[in-house]
Amino acid sequence: MKRWILRLYAPVFLLGFVGTAAWWVGQRHGDALWLLPLLSLAALLSFLAEQLWPYDVCFNRSHGDRGRDVLHALVNEGANVLSIGLVPLLAGWLPWQWWPLQWPFAAQLLLAIVGADLGITLMHYASHRIGWLWRLHAVHHSVTRMYGLNGLMKHPLHQAVEAVGGVLPLLLLGMPYPVAAVLAFAIAVQLLLQHCNVAMRPGPLGRMMAWAPRHRFHHLRYGRAGDVNFGLFFTVWDRLLGTAFDAPGYRIGSRDLGIGSQPDYPRDYFGQLLAPFRDLSSGDTPPMPAALTTAARR
């Protein structure tokens, strides 16, 4: 029974919650604000699953970071809600309408997810290559455990940069408010699945979807070793970029996470807000464990 729960957990979680949101907003034309309690329910179920079927029980213990991560989540989700509220205003300014409004809502949502995924993935890739972007993005990589709230643990300016790369092109095409609202909800649900401390075993789907088993390798602290698995929803972009990576025989622990060259990276919320604008000291990058190298060759 447990084997099937762990196999079906990610696809049922994603399709269940996103499907419910699409039905409510797209079919019933319900108020998108009801997606906020639905997202809260998704987070609660994710945290419950982390307790029942943890990938690493140590990741469930606070590293003195829980309050900070809650604050990151509240600020960043609050910013998302406010920005979505501006979508109708932007639509009113556009002198064109290129969005396929005649498509079924589900098809419009899929188009939005694929488009946002490509843009956010490319912006994420650039954030590991361009110095000032990395300074903003480093906040997200300072985590020393992987659990659900990590997905929203990011500098608000970097979240804005990702939004510009992934969502602004869709808005300029005329993406309507209902699609934008469900897209934002889908991204939040996917971030839960991507960072959660659940020992999911999605099988063949795990090679297509950017869920936790693959994304944990993106948070490796060994220098360029973490420059892999940039995709938000799908792994196809990493295959095209040549950055897809998996080492299923290696179990990632807290010792593997963080920024290896900056072990003293600020851990408090306001310290992390200021970190991109400070001259932080850096040391040597720790070597990659031989066990990880061996697992990656298999």
Protein backbone atom coordinates (compact mmCIF):
# COMPACT_ATOMS: atom_id res chain seq x y z
CA MET A 1 0.00 0.00 0.00
CA LYS A 2 2.76 2.44 0.96
CA ARG A 3 4.57 1.73 -2.31
CA TRP A 4 1.53 2.78 -4.33
CA ILE A 5 0.97 5.88 -2.19
CA LEU A 6 4.53 7.04 -2.83
CA ARG A 7 4.21 6.25 -6.54
CA LEU A 8 0.93 8.12 -6.98
CA TYR A 9 1.52 10.91 -4.48
CA ALA A 10 2.97 13.54 -6.84
CA PRO A 11 0.67 13.10 -9.87
CA VAL A 12 -2.49 12.84 -7.74
CA PHE A 13 -1.44 15.86 -5.66
CA LEU A 14 -0.70 18.00 -8.72
CA LEU A 15 -3.66 16.96 -10.86
CA GLY A 16 -6.05 16.93 -7.91
CA PHE A 17 -5.35 20.43 -6.68
CA VAL A 18 -4.73 22.09 -10.05
CA GLY A 19 -7.72 20.29 -11.55
CA THR A 20 -9.93 21.52 -8.70
CA ALA A 21 -8.66 25.07 -9.18
CA ALA A 22 -9.25 24.92 -12.95
CA TRP A 23 -12.78 23.55 -12.43
CA TRP A 24 -13.67 26.23 -9.87
CA VAL A 25 -12.26 29.22 -11.74
CA GLY A 26 -12.51 28.05 -15.36
CA GLN A 27 -15.77 26.09 -15.35
CA ARG A 28 -17.76 27.43 -12.40
CA HIS A 29 -16.38 30.98 -12.82
CA GLY A 30 -15.81 31.08 -9.07
CA ASP A 31 -13.91 33.79 -7.23
CA ALA A 32 -10.17 33.16 -7.58
CA LEU A 33 -9.61 34.30 -3.98
CA TRP A 34 -10.95 30.90 -2.91
CA LEU A 35 -7.71 29.47 -4.30
CA LEU A 36 -5.92 30.83 -1.22
CA PRO A 37 -7.64 28.45 1.25
CA LEU A 38 -7.24 25.68 -1.32
CA LEU A 39 -3.50 26.39 -1.42
CA SER A 40 -3.43 26.35 2.39
CA LEU A 41 -5.04 22.90 2.30
CA ALA A 42 -2.40 21.73 -0.21
CA ALA A 43 0.37 22.99 2.08
CA LEU A 44 -1.16 21.25 5.12
CA LEU A 45 -1.46 17.95 3.25
CA SER A 46 2.11 18.33 2.03
CA PHE A 47 3.38 18.87 5.57
CA LEU A 48 1.33 15.87 6.78
CA ALA A 49 2.83 13.69 4.03
CA GLU A 50 6.31 14.84 5.09
CA GLN A 51 5.59 13.54 8.58
CA LEU A 52 4.10 10.24 7.40
CA TRP A 53 6.52 9.37 4.58
CA PRO A 54 9.68 11.50 4.97
CA TYR A 55 12.61 11.28 2.61
CA ASP A 56 14.85 12.27 5.53
CA VAL A 57 13.44 12.57 9.06
CA CYS A 58 16.11 15.19 9.83
CA PHE A 59 14.56 17.52 7.25
CA ASN A 60 11.39 17.65 9.36
CA ARG A 61 13.29 19.20 12.27
CA SER A 62 13.63 22.97 12.32
CA HIS A 63 17.14 24.30 11.82
CA GLY A 64 16.05 27.57 13.39
CA ASP A 65 14.60 28.45 9.99
CA ARG A 66 10.86 27.80 10.31
CA GLY A 67 9.81 31.32 11.27
CA ARG A 68 12.05 32.82 8.59
CA ASP A 69 10.64 30.51 5.93
CA VAL A 70 7.05 31.28 6.92
CA LEU A 71 7.85 34.98 6.56
CA HIS A 72 9.38 34.39 3.12
CA ALA A 73 6.27 32.46 2.09
CA LEU A 74 3.82 35.08 3.35
CA VAL A 75 5.67 37.99 1.73
CA ASN A 76 6.18 36.24 -1.60
CA GLU A 77 2.67 34.79 -1.85
CA GLY A 78 1.26 38.17 -0.83
CA ALA A 79 3.19 39.76 -3.67
CA ASN A 80 1.82 37.11 -6.04
CA VAL A 81 -1.75 37.86 -5.01
CA LEU A 82 -1.26 41.59 -5.51
CA SER A 83 0.37 41.12 -8.92
CA ILE A 84 -2.43 38.82 -10.12
CA GLY A 85 -4.91 41.51 -9.12
CA LEU A 86 -3.22 43.84 -11.63
CA VAL A 87 -3.80 41.47 -14.58
CA PRO A 88 -7.19 42.97 -15.61
CA LEU A 89 -5.64 46.44 -15.49
CA LEU A 90 -2.81 45.38 -17.80
CA ALA A 91 -5.27 43.66 -20.13
CA GLY A 92 -7.18 46.92 -20.43
CA TRP A 93 -4.05 48.72 -21.59
CA LEU A 94 -3.17 46.27 -24.37
CA PRO A 95 -4.33 47.36 -27.82
CA TRP A 96 -4.21 43.73 -29.03
CA GLN A 97 -5.49 40.32 -27.95
CA TRP A 98 -3.40 37.39 -29.15
CA TRP A 99 -4.37 34.93 -26.44
CA PRO A 100 -6.46 31.96 -27.74
CA LEU A 101 -9.60 32.81 -25.75
CA GLN A 102 -11.62 30.41 -27.90
CA TRP A 103 -9.70 27.40 -26.55
CA PRO A 104 -11.10 25.33 -23.67
CA PHE A 105 -9.91 26.59 -20.30
CA ALA A 106 -7.80 23.47 -19.69
CA ALA A 107 -5.95 24.01 -22.98
CA GLN A 108 -5.33 27.67 -22.14
CA LEU A 109 -3.98 26.67 -18.74
CA LEU A 110 -1.66 24.06 -20.27
CA LEU A 111 -0.35 26.67 -22.72
CA ALA A 112 0.26 29.05 -19.81
CA ILE A 113 2.07 26.38 -17.77
CA VAL A 114 4.35 25.38 -20.66
CA GLY A 115 5.11 29.00 -21.54
CA ALA A 116 5.78 30.04 -17.94
CA ASP A 117 7.86 26.93 -17.36
CA LEU A 118 10.12 27.73 -20.31
CA GLY A 119 10.57 31.38 -19.30
CA ILE A 120 11.16 30.68 -15.61
CA THR A 121 13.57 27.83 -16.42
CA LEU A 122 15.66 30.09 -18.67
CA MET A 123 15.66 32.84 -16.06
CA HIS A 124 16.66 30.26 -13.44
CA TYR A 125 19.49 29.08 -15.69
CA ALA A 126 20.64 32.68 -16.17
CA SER A 127 20.59 33.17 -12.40
CA HIS A 128 23.41 30.63 -12.11
CA ARG A 129 25.44 32.33 -14.83
CA ILE A 130 25.06 36.08 -14.22
CA GLY A 131 26.64 37.52 -11.09
CA TRP A 132 23.98 39.98 -9.92
CA LEU A 133 21.19 37.47 -10.56
CA TRP A 134 23.05 34.83 -8.57
CA ARG A 135 23.39 37.20 -5.63
CA LEU A 136 19.59 37.47 -5.53
CA HIS A 137 19.07 33.77 -6.18
CA ALA A 138 21.60 32.67 -3.57
CA VAL A 139 19.00 33.27 -0.86
CA HIS A 140 17.08 30.28 -2.18
CA HIS A 141 20.20 28.12 -2.20
CA SER A 142 21.15 28.85 1.39
CA VAL A 143 18.71 26.19 2.71
CA THR A 144 20.19 23.30 4.68
CA ARG A 145 17.14 21.05 4.56
CA MET A 146 14.55 20.29 1.90
CA TYR A 147 10.88 20.64 2.80
CA GLY A 148 7.71 22.20 1.41
CA LEU A 149 8.32 25.84 2.34
CA ASN A 150 11.67 25.94 0.48
CA GLY A 151 9.88 26.65 -2.78
CA LEU A 152 8.78 30.10 -1.59
CA MET A 153 11.99 30.78 0.32
CA LYS A 154 13.48 33.28 -2.12
CA HIS A 155 14.41 36.93 -2.32
CA PRO A 156 11.35 38.96 -3.43
CA LEU A 157 13.41 40.74 -6.08
CA HIS A 158 14.41 37.41 -7.58
CA GLN A 159 10.79 36.31 -7.56
CA ALA A 160 10.02 39.47 -9.53
CA VAL A 161 12.80 38.66 -12.00
CA GLU A 162 11.39 35.16 -12.52
CA ALA A 163 7.92 36.63 -13.04
CA VAL A 164 9.25 38.98 -15.71
CA GLY A 165 10.90 36.10 -17.55
CA GLY A 166 8.11 33.55 -17.17
CA VAL A 167 4.78 35.35 -16.85
CA LEU A 168 5.13 38.82 -18.39
CA PRO A 169 5.35 37.44 -21.98
CA LEU A 170 2.09 35.57 -21.38
CA LEU A 171 0.43 38.70 -20.02
CA LEU A 172 1.58 40.67 -23.06
CA LEU A 173 -0.15 38.07 -25.22
CA GLY A 174 -3.36 38.86 -23.36
CA MET A 175 -3.55 35.98 -20.87
CA PRO A 176 -6.82 36.57 -19.00
CA TYR A 177 -7.16 36.93 -15.24
CA PRO A 178 -8.74 33.46 -14.59
CA VAL A 179 -5.89 31.68 -16.38
CA ALA A 180 -3.28 33.81 -14.61
CA ALA A 181 -4.82 33.03 -11.22
CA VAL A 182 -4.85 29.26 -11.77
CA LEU A 183 -1.32 29.42 -13.25
CA ALA A 184 -0.03 31.10 -10.08
CA PHE A 185 -1.81 28.44 -8.03
CA ALA A 186 -0.31 25.64 -10.14
CA ILE A 187 3.19 27.09 -9.72
CA ALA A 188 2.75 27.19 -5.92
CA VAL A 189 1.55 23.57 -5.86
CA GLN A 190 4.44 22.48 -8.07
CA LEU A 191 6.92 24.27 -5.78
CA LEU A 192 5.54 22.20 -2.88
CA LEU A 193 6.15 19.00 -4.85
CA GLN A 194 9.56 20.14 -6.03
CA HIS A 195 10.95 20.85 -2.57
CA CYS A 196 8.94 18.58 -0.27
CA ASN A 197 10.46 16.08 2.13
CA VAL A 198 8.32 13.21 0.86
CA ALA A 199 9.94 9.94 -0.23
CA MET A 200 7.94 9.90 -3.46
CA ARG A 201 8.76 7.32 -6.11
CA PRO A 202 6.98 8.56 -9.23
CA GLY A 203 8.58 6.03 -11.59
CA PRO A 204 8.63 6.97 -15.30
CA LEU A 205 6.76 10.22 -14.59
CA GLY A 206 9.69 11.27 -12.44
CA ARG A 207 11.84 11.41 -15.56
CA MET A 208 9.42 13.89 -17.14
CA MET A 209 8.40 16.02 -14.16
CA ALA A 210 10.71 18.25 -12.11
CA TRP A 211 9.69 16.87 -8.73
CA ALA A 212 11.71 16.52 -5.52
CA PRO A 213 13.71 13.35 -6.39
CA ARG A 214 15.48 15.26 -9.16
CA HIS A 215 15.32 18.80 -7.84
CA ARG A 216 17.19 17.96 -4.63
CA PHE A 217 20.35 17.66 -6.73
CA HIS A 218 19.90 21.29 -7.78
CA HIS A 219 20.58 22.30 -4.16
CA LEU A 220 23.96 20.54 -3.86
CA ARG A 221 26.54 22.71 -2.15
CA TYR A 222 29.52 21.52 -4.21
CA GLY A 223 30.05 24.46 -6.55
CA ARG A 224 28.87 23.79 -10.10
CA ALA A 225 27.47 20.42 -9.09
CA GLY A 226 24.18 22.17 -8.36
CA ASP A 227 23.95 23.75 -11.83
CA VAL A 228 21.50 21.05 -12.90
CA ASN A 229 17.75 20.40 -13.04
CA PHE A 230 16.63 24.00 -13.50
CA GLY A 231 13.12 23.17 -14.75
CA LEU A 232 10.08 24.19 -12.73
CA PHE A 233 7.48 21.79 -14.13
CA PHE A 234 9.14 19.67 -16.83
CA THR A 235 12.56 18.11 -17.33
CA VAL A 236 12.53 18.56 -21.12
CA TRP A 237 14.16 21.99 -20.90
CA ASP A 238 17.08 20.56 -18.91
CA ARG A 239 17.52 17.83 -21.49
CA LEU A 240 17.72 20.50 -24.20
CA LEU A 241 20.11 22.62 -22.10
CA GLY A 242 22.25 19.59 -21.24
CA THR A 243 21.67 20.14 -17.51
CA ALA A 244 19.51 17.11 -16.67
CA PHE A 245 21.01 15.07 -13.85
CA ASP A 246 20.04 12.14 -11.67
CA ALA A 247 21.90 9.87 -9.26
CA PRO A 248 19.14 7.69 -7.79
CA GLY A 249 21.54 5.67 -5.67
CA TYR A 250 22.68 8.71 -3.66
CA ARG A 251 20.74 9.95 -0.63
CA ILE A 252 21.05 13.69 -0.08
CA GLY A 253 21.36 14.94 3.49
CA SER A 254 21.83 18.28 5.20
CA ARG A 255 25.59 17.88 4.74
CA ASP A 256 25.03 18.21 0.97
CA LEU A 257 22.88 21.36 1.01
CA GLY A 258 23.57 25.08 1.15
CA ILE A 259 26.22 27.27 -0.46
CA GLY A 260 29.49 25.45 0.01
CA SER A 261 31.72 28.47 -0.48
CA GLN A 262 29.62 30.57 1.94
CA PRO A 263 28.80 28.38 4.95
CA ASP A 264 28.10 31.52 7.04
CA TYR A 265 25.50 32.90 4.64
CA PRO A 266 22.91 34.93 6.64
CA ARG A 267 20.13 32.78 8.07
CA ASP A 268 17.68 35.39 9.33
CA TYR A 269 15.03 36.96 7.09
CA PHE A 270 16.26 40.55 7.04
CA GLY A 271 19.86 39.41 6.76
CA GLN A 272 18.87 37.49 3.62
CA LEU A 273 17.07 40.50 2.19
CA LEU A 274 20.28 42.53 2.55
CA ALA A 275 22.73 39.75 1.58
CA PRO A 276 22.69 40.41 -2.21
CA PHE A 277 23.83 43.98 -1.56
CA ARG A 278 26.62 43.14 0.89
CA ASP A 279 30.16 41.99 0.23
CA LEU A 280 29.98 38.55 1.86
CA SER A 281 33.14 36.55 2.41
CA SER A 282 33.67 33.38 0.38
CA GLY A 283 35.90 30.40 0.94
CA ASP A 284 36.89 27.28 -0.92
CA THR A 285 34.21 25.12 -2.48
CA PRO A 286 34.04 21.73 -0.73
CA PRO A 287 34.81 18.70 -2.92
CA MET A 288 31.99 16.53 -4.17
CA PRO A 289 31.72 13.23 -2.23
CA ALA A 290 33.09 10.20 -4.03
CA ALA A 291 29.79 8.36 -3.40
CA LEU A 292 27.90 11.02 -5.36
CA THR A 293 30.34 10.86 -8.25
CA THR A 294 30.04 7.09 -8.34
CA ALA A 295 26.23 7.17 -8.20
CA ALA A 296 26.07 9.69 -11.03
CA ARG A 297 28.09 7.39 -13.33
CA ARG A 298 25.71 4.49 -12.97
